[in-house]
Amino acid sequence: QVQVLESGGGLVQAGGSLRLSCTVSGLTFTGYVMGWFRQAPGKEREGVACISGYGGTSVYLDSVKGRFTISRDNAKNTLYLQMDSLGPEDTAMYFCARSSRKNSDGPPRLTTADYNYWGQGTQVTVSS
């Protein structure tokens, strides 16, 4: 049974930090690109960060560069997103997803259509 399970969301004040985790089971984790996406009410889902199959390359949405850090632990089948200097504009449902692309398919990218396994999301709310 495939499970993509996010955790770590919550309510935080502006300027604060949160660390999201995503645990994957029932499908191959190592070697596949993983990504974090978010969707705010009334807005389209957008890619926040993604990381190559062995963690060597990461890509970020411009607005989170320098504030968010994506990482992965392949031994634990777990993906992380460290979020610092949070602002109200970061308020959204955050989703973890596994791409169909592996390292051999080229660099990781934040193209929603690449991702075929999704979690249910974890809510992040930043108060001003």
C-alpha atoms as a PDB file:
ATOM      1  CA  GLN A   1       0.000   0.000   0.000  1.00  0.00           C
ATOM      2  CA  VAL A   2       1.444   3.322  -1.105  1.00  0.00           C
ATOM      3  CA  GLN A   3       1.611   5.993   1.576  1.00  0.00           C
ATOM      4  CA  VAL A   4       2.984   9.509   1.334  1.00  0.00           C
ATOM      5  CA  LEU A   5       2.511  11.095   4.725  1.00  0.00           C
ATOM      6  CA  GLU A   6       3.354  14.679   5.628  1.00  0.00           C
ATOM      7  CA  SER A   7       3.721  16.041   9.144  1.00  0.00           C
ATOM      8  CA  GLY A   8       5.048  19.078  10.963  1.00  0.00           C
ATOM      9  CA  GLY A   9       2.650  21.780   9.890  1.00  0.00           C
ATOM     10  CA  GLY A  10       1.060  24.175  12.333  1.00  0.00           C
ATOM     11  CA  LEU A  11       0.527  27.764  13.373  1.00  0.00           C
ATOM     12  CA  VAL A  12       3.579  29.979  13.733  1.00  0.00           C
ATOM     13  CA  GLN A  13       4.203  33.692  14.072  1.00  0.00           C
ATOM     14  CA  ALA A  14       5.875  35.651  11.296  1.00  0.00           C
ATOM     15  CA  GLY A  15       9.623  35.245  11.477  1.00  0.00           C
ATOM     16  CA  GLY A  16       9.327  31.795  12.978  1.00  0.00           C
ATOM     17  CA  SER A  17      10.354  28.382  11.698  1.00  0.00           C
ATOM     18  CA  LEU A  18       8.801  25.023  10.983  1.00  0.00           C
ATOM     19  CA  ARG A  19      10.201  21.723   9.768  1.00  0.00           C
ATOM     20  CA  LEU A  20       8.018  19.558   7.596  1.00  0.00           C
ATOM     21  CA  SER A  21       8.605  15.842   7.189  1.00  0.00           C
ATOM     22  CA  CYS A  22       7.304  13.387   4.631  1.00  0.00           C
ATOM     23  CA  THR A  23       7.574   9.649   5.022  1.00  0.00           C
ATOM     24  CA  VAL A  24       7.083   7.386   2.024  1.00  0.00           C
ATOM     25  CA  SER A  25       6.191   3.699   2.095  1.00  0.00           C
ATOM     26  CA  GLY A  26       5.037   1.159  -0.454  1.00  0.00           C
ATOM     27  CA  LEU A  27       7.051   2.611  -3.319  1.00  0.00           C
ATOM     28  CA  THR A  28      10.669   3.270  -4.145  1.00  0.00           C
ATOM     29  CA  PHE A  29      12.033   6.422  -2.533  1.00  0.00           C
ATOM     30  CA  THR A  30      15.759   6.314  -3.164  1.00  0.00           C
ATOM     31  CA  GLY A  31      16.811   7.551  -6.545  1.00  0.00           C
ATOM     32  CA  TYR A  32      13.610   9.413  -7.383  1.00  0.00           C
ATOM     33  CA  VAL A  33      13.137  13.155  -7.348  1.00  0.00           C
ATOM     34  CA  MET A  34      11.018  14.353  -4.439  1.00  0.00           C
ATOM     35  CA  GLY A  35       9.275  17.680  -4.107  1.00  0.00           C
ATOM     36  CA  TRP A  36       7.314  19.991  -1.863  1.00  0.00           C
ATOM     37  CA  PHE A  37       4.367  21.937  -3.240  1.00  0.00           C
ATOM     38  CA  ARG A  38       1.896  24.316  -1.656  1.00  0.00           C
ATOM     39  CA  GLN A  39      -1.557  25.633  -2.362  1.00  0.00           C
ATOM     40  CA  ALA A  40      -3.137  28.645  -0.756  1.00  0.00           C
ATOM     41  CA  PRO A  41      -6.917  29.215  -0.843  1.00  0.00           C
ATOM     42  CA  GLY A  42      -8.003  30.487  -4.240  1.00  0.00           C
ATOM     43  CA  LYS A  43      -4.580  29.947  -5.768  1.00  0.00           C
ATOM     44  CA  GLU A  44      -3.028  27.301  -7.948  1.00  0.00           C
ATOM     45  CA  ARG A  45      -0.679  24.723  -6.539  1.00  0.00           C
ATOM     46  CA  GLU A  46       2.948  25.803  -6.883  1.00  0.00           C
ATOM     47  CA  GLY A  47       6.240  24.008  -6.538  1.00  0.00           C
ATOM     48  CA  VAL A  48       8.264  25.114  -3.542  1.00  0.00           C
ATOM     49  CA  ALA A  49      11.361  22.918  -3.652  1.00  0.00           C
ATOM     50  CA  CYS A  50      12.549  19.660  -5.115  1.00  0.00           C
ATOM     51  CA  ILE A  51      15.596  17.477  -4.681  1.00  0.00           C
ATOM     52  CA  SER A  52      17.341  14.897  -6.811  1.00  0.00           C
ATOM     53  CA  GLY A  53      17.228  11.214  -6.034  1.00  0.00           C
ATOM     54  CA  TYR A  54      20.387  11.153  -3.940  1.00  0.00           C
ATOM     55  CA  GLY A  55      20.201  14.697  -2.635  1.00  0.00           C
ATOM     56  CA  GLY A  56      22.918  16.245  -4.727  1.00  0.00           C
ATOM     57  CA  THR A  57      20.802  18.877  -6.465  1.00  0.00           C
ATOM     58  CA  SER A  58      17.908  20.987  -5.261  1.00  0.00           C
ATOM     59  CA  VAL A  59      15.691  23.585  -6.897  1.00  0.00           C
ATOM     60  CA  TYR A  60      13.691  26.298  -5.144  1.00  0.00           C
ATOM     61  CA  LEU A  61      10.864  28.672  -5.889  1.00  0.00           C
ATOM     62  CA  ASP A  62      12.414  32.135  -6.073  1.00  0.00           C
ATOM     63  CA  SER A  63      10.363  33.482  -3.191  1.00  0.00           C
ATOM     64  CA  VAL A  64      11.676  30.852  -0.749  1.00  0.00           C
ATOM     65  CA  LYS A  65      15.360  30.850  -1.736  1.00  0.00           C
ATOM     66  CA  GLY A  66      17.541  31.504   1.274  1.00  0.00           C
ATOM     67  CA  ARG A  67      14.682  30.754   3.680  1.00  0.00           C
ATOM     68  CA  PHE A  68      13.701  27.160   2.937  1.00  0.00           C
ATOM     69  CA  THR A  69      15.949  24.105   2.767  1.00  0.00           C
ATOM     70  CA  ILE A  70      14.934  20.766   1.323  1.00  0.00           C
ATOM     71  CA  SER A  71      16.736  17.578   2.323  1.00  0.00           C
ATOM     72  CA  ARG A  72      16.214  13.851   2.307  1.00  0.00           C
ATOM     73  CA  ASP A  73      17.274  10.789   4.261  1.00  0.00           C
ATOM     74  CA  ASN A  74      17.123   7.832   1.906  1.00  0.00           C
ATOM     75  CA  ALA A  75      17.820   5.377   4.716  1.00  0.00           C
ATOM     76  CA  LYS A  76      14.592   6.517   6.379  1.00  0.00           C
ATOM     77  CA  ASN A  77      12.533   7.116   3.209  1.00  0.00           C
ATOM     78  CA  THR A  78      11.930  10.614   4.516  1.00  0.00           C
ATOM     79  CA  LEU A  79      11.895  14.050   2.933  1.00  0.00           C
ATOM     80  CA  TYR A  80      12.241  17.284   4.892  1.00  0.00           C
ATOM     81  CA  LEU A  81      11.543  20.957   4.397  1.00  0.00           C
ATOM     82  CA  GLN A  82      13.124  23.369   6.862  1.00  0.00           C
ATOM     83  CA  MET A  83      11.283  26.670   6.676  1.00  0.00           C
ATOM     84  CA  ASP A  84      12.790  29.744   8.327  1.00  0.00           C
ATOM     85  CA  SER A  85      11.822  33.425   8.349  1.00  0.00           C
ATOM     86  CA  LEU A  86       8.257  32.501   7.601  1.00  0.00           C
ATOM     87  CA  GLY A  87       5.827  35.181   6.517  1.00  0.00           C
ATOM     88  CA  PRO A  88       2.046  35.315   6.057  1.00  0.00           C
ATOM     89  CA  GLU A  89       2.586  34.760   2.339  1.00  0.00           C
ATOM     90  CA  ASP A  90       3.812  31.253   3.158  1.00  0.00           C
ATOM     91  CA  THR A  91       0.439  30.256   4.569  1.00  0.00           C
ATOM     92  CA  ALA A  92      -0.821  27.282   2.556  1.00  0.00           C
ATOM     93  CA  MET A  93      -1.414  23.570   2.501  1.00  0.00           C
ATOM     94  CA  TYR A  94       1.940  21.929   1.871  1.00  0.00           C
ATOM     95  CA  PHE A  95       2.142  18.705  -0.112  1.00  0.00           C
ATOM     96  CA  CYS A  96       4.907  16.173  -0.530  1.00  0.00           C
ATOM     97  CA  ALA A  97       5.167  14.319  -3.811  1.00  0.00           C
ATOM     98  CA  ARG A  98       7.334  11.750  -5.559  1.00  0.00           C
ATOM     99  CA  SER A  99       8.279  12.372  -9.136  1.00  0.00           C
ATOM    100  CA  SER A 100       8.323   9.798 -11.895  1.00  0.00           C
ATOM    101  CA  ARG A 101      11.803  11.104 -12.753  1.00  0.00           C
ATOM    102  CA  LYS A 102      15.035   9.609 -11.549  1.00  0.00           C
ATOM    103  CA  ASN A 103      18.530  11.052 -11.620  1.00  0.00           C
ATOM    104  CA  SER A 104      19.069   9.469 -15.020  1.00  0.00           C
ATOM    105  CA  ASP A 105      16.146  11.497 -16.382  1.00  0.00           C
ATOM    106  CA  GLY A 106      17.903  14.806 -15.835  1.00  0.00           C
ATOM    107  CA  PRO A 107      17.927  17.524 -13.176  1.00  0.00           C
ATOM    108  CA  PRO A 108      15.019  17.839 -10.760  1.00  0.00           C
ATOM    109  CA  ARG A 109      12.311  20.294 -11.692  1.00  0.00           C
ATOM    110  CA  LEU A 110       9.195  21.809 -10.135  1.00  0.00           C
ATOM    111  CA  THR A 111       6.844  20.660 -12.859  1.00  0.00           C
ATOM    112  CA  THR A 112       3.644  19.422 -11.248  1.00  0.00           C
ATOM    113  CA  ALA A 113       2.973  16.962 -14.060  1.00  0.00           C
ATOM    114  CA  ASP A 114       6.212  15.125 -13.232  1.00  0.00           C
ATOM    115  CA  TYR A 115       4.849  14.049  -9.836  1.00  0.00           C
ATOM    116  CA  ASN A 116       2.578  11.050  -9.646  1.00  0.00           C
ATOM    117  CA  TYR A 117       2.405  10.188  -5.941  1.00  0.00           C
ATOM    118  CA  TRP A 118       1.042  12.796  -3.557  1.00  0.00           C
ATOM    119  CA  GLY A 119       0.357  13.104   0.130  1.00  0.00           C
ATOM    120  CA  GLN A 120      -2.755  14.587   1.682  1.00  0.00           C
ATOM    121  CA  GLY A 121      -0.968  17.721   2.830  1.00  0.00           C
ATOM    122  CA  THR A 122      -0.147  19.486   6.070  1.00  0.00           C
ATOM    123  CA  GLN A 123      -1.399  22.974   6.855  1.00  0.00           C
ATOM    124  CA  VAL A 124       1.035  25.792   7.539  1.00  0.00           C
ATOM    125  CA  THR A 125      -0.408  29.027   8.894  1.00  0.00           C
ATOM    126  CA  VAL A 126       1.768  32.065   9.558  1.00  0.00           C
ATOM    127  CA  SER A 127       0.264  34.873  11.601  1.00  0.00           C
ATOM    128  CA  SER A 128       1.425  38.458  11.208  1.00  0.00           C
END
